[in-house]
């Protein structure tokens, strides 16, 4: 009994809440909320960015780097997932527009639109 309780405690301590809605490969499509001066560079950056979610692991890949880490869901409802990483980064808000479109709020009004592949 003591061994079972210890194993359960270790399993629960290692668990991080993930979101099944995020699961899969997402590729950047466009940007919103950028000025005309920023539009070309921002759109290029978005098109070269992808997100991969598997369980509680996220990989962000850009033209220049690939970062992988664990995330946990802070809040989730029908259309929005708010998450943070194990590194203690600021909360990130991801909003769904249907099943195949994800909008990541990079800054207050600046967003990258992703399509599920």
C-alpha atoms as a PDB file:
ATOM      1  CA  UNK A   1       0.000   0.000   0.000  1.00  0.00           C
ATOM      2  CA  UNK A   2       2.768   2.428   0.916  1.00  0.00           C
ATOM      3  CA  UNK A   3       4.566   1.679  -2.381  1.00  0.00           C
ATOM      4  CA  UNK A   4       1.362   2.257  -4.350  1.00  0.00           C
ATOM      5  CA  UNK A   5       0.746   5.594  -2.618  1.00  0.00           C
ATOM      6  CA  UNK A   6       4.340   6.678  -3.257  1.00  0.00           C
ATOM      7  CA  UNK A   7       4.096   5.749  -6.968  1.00  0.00           C
ATOM      8  CA  UNK A   8       0.818   7.660  -7.282  1.00  0.00           C
ATOM      9  CA  UNK A   9       2.331  10.708  -5.603  1.00  0.00           C
ATOM     10  CA  UNK A  10       5.328  10.649  -7.957  1.00  0.00           C
ATOM     11  CA  UNK A  11       3.067  10.309 -10.999  1.00  0.00           C
ATOM     12  CA  UNK A  12       0.887  13.228  -9.926  1.00  0.00           C
ATOM     13  CA  UNK A  13       3.899  15.397  -9.145  1.00  0.00           C
ATOM     14  CA  UNK A  14       5.213  14.833 -12.669  1.00  0.00           C
ATOM     15  CA  UNK A  15       1.919  15.600 -14.404  1.00  0.00           C
ATOM     16  CA  UNK A  16       1.366  18.852 -16.206  1.00  0.00           C
ATOM     17  CA  UNK A  17      -2.047  19.751 -17.468  1.00  0.00           C
ATOM     18  CA  UNK A  18      -2.054  19.840 -21.273  1.00  0.00           C
ATOM     19  CA  UNK A  19      -4.729  20.772 -23.799  1.00  0.00           C
ATOM     20  CA  UNK A  20      -5.939  18.249 -26.361  1.00  0.00           C
ATOM     21  CA  UNK A  21      -7.188  21.155 -28.508  1.00  0.00           C
ATOM     22  CA  UNK A  22      -3.613  22.273 -29.129  1.00  0.00           C
ATOM     23  CA  UNK A  23      -2.354  18.825 -30.101  1.00  0.00           C
ATOM     24  CA  UNK A  24      -0.721  18.707 -33.538  1.00  0.00           C
ATOM     25  CA  UNK A  25       1.308  20.764 -36.005  1.00  0.00           C
ATOM     26  CA  UNK A  26       0.400  24.414 -36.632  1.00  0.00           C
ATOM     27  CA  UNK A  27       1.995  26.600 -39.307  1.00  0.00           C
ATOM     28  CA  UNK A  28       2.034  30.385 -39.368  1.00  0.00           C
ATOM     29  CA  UNK A  29      -0.170  31.948 -42.025  1.00  0.00           C
ATOM     30  CA  UNK A  30      -0.509  35.660 -41.383  1.00  0.00           C
ATOM     31  CA  UNK A  31      -0.350  38.462 -38.837  1.00  0.00           C
ATOM     32  CA  UNK A  32      -2.834  40.899 -37.368  1.00  0.00           C
ATOM     33  CA  UNK A  33      -2.458  44.249 -35.696  1.00  0.00           C
ATOM     34  CA  UNK A  34       0.853  45.302 -37.224  1.00  0.00           C
ATOM     35  CA  UNK A  35       1.532  48.606 -38.947  1.00  0.00           C
ATOM     36  CA  UNK A  36       2.043  48.828 -42.691  1.00  0.00           C
ATOM     37  CA  UNK A  37       5.759  49.350 -42.044  1.00  0.00           C
ATOM     38  CA  UNK A  38       5.955  46.102 -40.058  1.00  0.00           C
ATOM     39  CA  UNK A  39       3.639  44.025 -42.250  1.00  0.00           C
ATOM     40  CA  UNK A  40       6.129  42.544 -44.714  1.00  0.00           C
ATOM     41  CA  UNK A  41       8.687  41.454 -42.105  1.00  0.00           C
ATOM     42  CA  UNK A  42       6.034  40.253 -39.674  1.00  0.00           C
ATOM     43  CA  UNK A  43       4.246  38.231 -42.353  1.00  0.00           C
ATOM     44  CA  UNK A  44       7.536  36.612 -43.374  1.00  0.00           C
ATOM     45  CA  UNK A  45       8.296  35.770 -39.750  1.00  0.00           C
ATOM     46  CA  UNK A  46       4.813  34.275 -39.293  1.00  0.00           C
ATOM     47  CA  UNK A  47       5.095  32.134 -42.422  1.00  0.00           C
ATOM     48  CA  UNK A  48       8.415  30.725 -41.169  1.00  0.00           C
ATOM     49  CA  UNK A  49       7.066  29.885 -37.703  1.00  0.00           C
ATOM     50  CA  UNK A  50       5.459  26.639 -36.606  1.00  0.00           C
ATOM     51  CA  UNK A  51       4.139  25.233 -33.342  1.00  0.00           C
ATOM     52  CA  UNK A  52       4.060  21.545 -32.462  1.00  0.00           C
ATOM     53  CA  UNK A  53       2.089  20.390 -29.432  1.00  0.00           C
ATOM     54  CA  UNK A  54       2.311  16.828 -28.129  1.00  0.00           C
ATOM     55  CA  UNK A  55       1.039  16.027 -24.649  1.00  0.00           C
ATOM     56  CA  UNK A  56       2.495  18.805 -22.478  1.00  0.00           C
ATOM     57  CA  UNK A  57       5.427  19.570 -24.792  1.00  0.00           C
ATOM     58  CA  UNK A  58       5.548  22.476 -27.220  1.00  0.00           C
ATOM     59  CA  UNK A  59       8.138  23.101 -29.931  1.00  0.00           C
ATOM     60  CA  UNK A  60       8.357  26.545 -31.492  1.00  0.00           C
ATOM     61  CA  UNK A  61      10.324  26.574 -34.720  1.00  0.00           C
ATOM     62  CA  UNK A  62      11.359  29.695 -36.621  1.00  0.00           C
ATOM     63  CA  UNK A  63      13.753  30.219 -39.507  1.00  0.00           C
ATOM     64  CA  UNK A  64      16.625  30.655 -37.049  1.00  0.00           C
ATOM     65  CA  UNK A  65      15.871  28.484 -34.038  1.00  0.00           C
ATOM     66  CA  UNK A  66      13.923  25.614 -32.582  1.00  0.00           C
ATOM     67  CA  UNK A  67      12.885  25.690 -28.923  1.00  0.00           C
ATOM     68  CA  UNK A  68      11.213  22.845 -27.066  1.00  0.00           C
ATOM     69  CA  UNK A  69       9.782  22.963 -23.566  1.00  0.00           C
ATOM     70  CA  UNK A  70       6.933  21.883 -21.359  1.00  0.00           C
ATOM     71  CA  UNK A  71       3.811  23.918 -20.860  1.00  0.00           C
ATOM     72  CA  UNK A  72       0.826  23.846 -18.562  1.00  0.00           C
ATOM     73  CA  UNK A  73      -2.643  25.209 -19.043  1.00  0.00           C
ATOM     74  CA  UNK A  74      -3.529  28.081 -16.717  1.00  0.00           C
ATOM     75  CA  UNK A  75      -7.077  28.513 -18.055  1.00  0.00           C
ATOM     76  CA  UNK A  76      -9.067  26.965 -20.839  1.00  0.00           C
ATOM     77  CA  UNK A  77     -12.539  27.416 -22.243  1.00  0.00           C
ATOM     78  CA  UNK A  78     -14.276  26.611 -25.518  1.00  0.00           C
ATOM     79  CA  UNK A  79     -12.295  29.104 -27.614  1.00  0.00           C
ATOM     80  CA  UNK A  80      -9.212  30.076 -25.588  1.00  0.00           C
ATOM     81  CA  UNK A  81      -6.234  28.410 -23.952  1.00  0.00           C
ATOM     82  CA  UNK A  82      -3.954  30.404 -21.650  1.00  0.00           C
ATOM     83  CA  UNK A  83      -0.674  28.639 -20.935  1.00  0.00           C
ATOM     84  CA  UNK A  84       2.704  29.125 -19.350  1.00  0.00           C
ATOM     85  CA  UNK A  85       5.965  27.227 -19.594  1.00  0.00           C
ATOM     86  CA  UNK A  86       8.060  25.492 -16.959  1.00  0.00           C
ATOM     87  CA  UNK A  87      10.623  28.277 -17.357  1.00  0.00           C
ATOM     88  CA  UNK A  88       8.158  30.692 -15.759  1.00  0.00           C
ATOM     89  CA  UNK A  89       7.516  32.694 -18.905  1.00  0.00           C
ATOM     90  CA  UNK A  90       4.603  35.109 -19.036  1.00  0.00           C
ATOM     91  CA  UNK A  91       1.189  33.646 -19.777  1.00  0.00           C
ATOM     92  CA  UNK A  92       0.466  33.165 -23.477  1.00  0.00           C
ATOM     93  CA  UNK A  93      -3.052  33.411 -24.905  1.00  0.00           C
ATOM     94  CA  UNK A  94      -4.069  31.191 -27.823  1.00  0.00           C
ATOM     95  CA  UNK A  95      -7.545  31.617 -29.299  1.00  0.00           C
ATOM     96  CA  UNK A  96      -9.316  29.206 -31.640  1.00  0.00           C
ATOM     97  CA  UNK A  97     -11.308  30.355 -34.638  1.00  0.00           C
ATOM     98  CA  UNK A  98     -12.864  27.034 -35.568  1.00  0.00           C
ATOM     99  CA  UNK A  99     -11.005  23.712 -35.465  1.00  0.00           C
ATOM    100  CA  UNK A 100      -8.205  24.611 -37.872  1.00  0.00           C
ATOM    101  CA  UNK A 101      -7.259  28.192 -36.975  1.00  0.00           C
ATOM    102  CA  UNK A 102      -5.269  29.279 -33.926  1.00  0.00           C
ATOM    103  CA  UNK A 103      -4.418  32.899 -33.079  1.00  0.00           C
ATOM    104  CA  UNK A 104      -1.451  33.556 -30.771  1.00  0.00           C
ATOM    105  CA  UNK A 105      -1.502  36.974 -29.087  1.00  0.00           C
ATOM    106  CA  UNK A 106       2.197  37.873 -29.164  1.00  0.00           C
ATOM    107  CA  UNK A 107       1.550  41.341 -27.769  1.00  0.00           C
ATOM    108  CA  UNK A 108      -1.654  43.081 -26.764  1.00  0.00           C
ATOM    109  CA  UNK A 109      -2.798  43.829 -30.308  1.00  0.00           C
ATOM    110  CA  UNK A 110      -0.227  41.894 -32.382  1.00  0.00           C
ATOM    111  CA  UNK A 111      -1.113  38.343 -33.292  1.00  0.00           C
ATOM    112  CA  UNK A 112       0.098  35.461 -35.439  1.00  0.00           C
ATOM    113  CA  UNK A 113      -2.524  33.318 -37.165  1.00  0.00           C
ATOM    114  CA  UNK A 114      -1.740  29.593 -37.492  1.00  0.00           C
ATOM    115  CA  UNK A 115      -3.426  26.838 -39.496  1.00  0.00           C
ATOM    116  CA  UNK A 116      -3.557  23.235 -38.312  1.00  0.00           C
ATOM    117  CA  UNK A 117      -1.830  20.824 -40.655  1.00  0.00           C
END
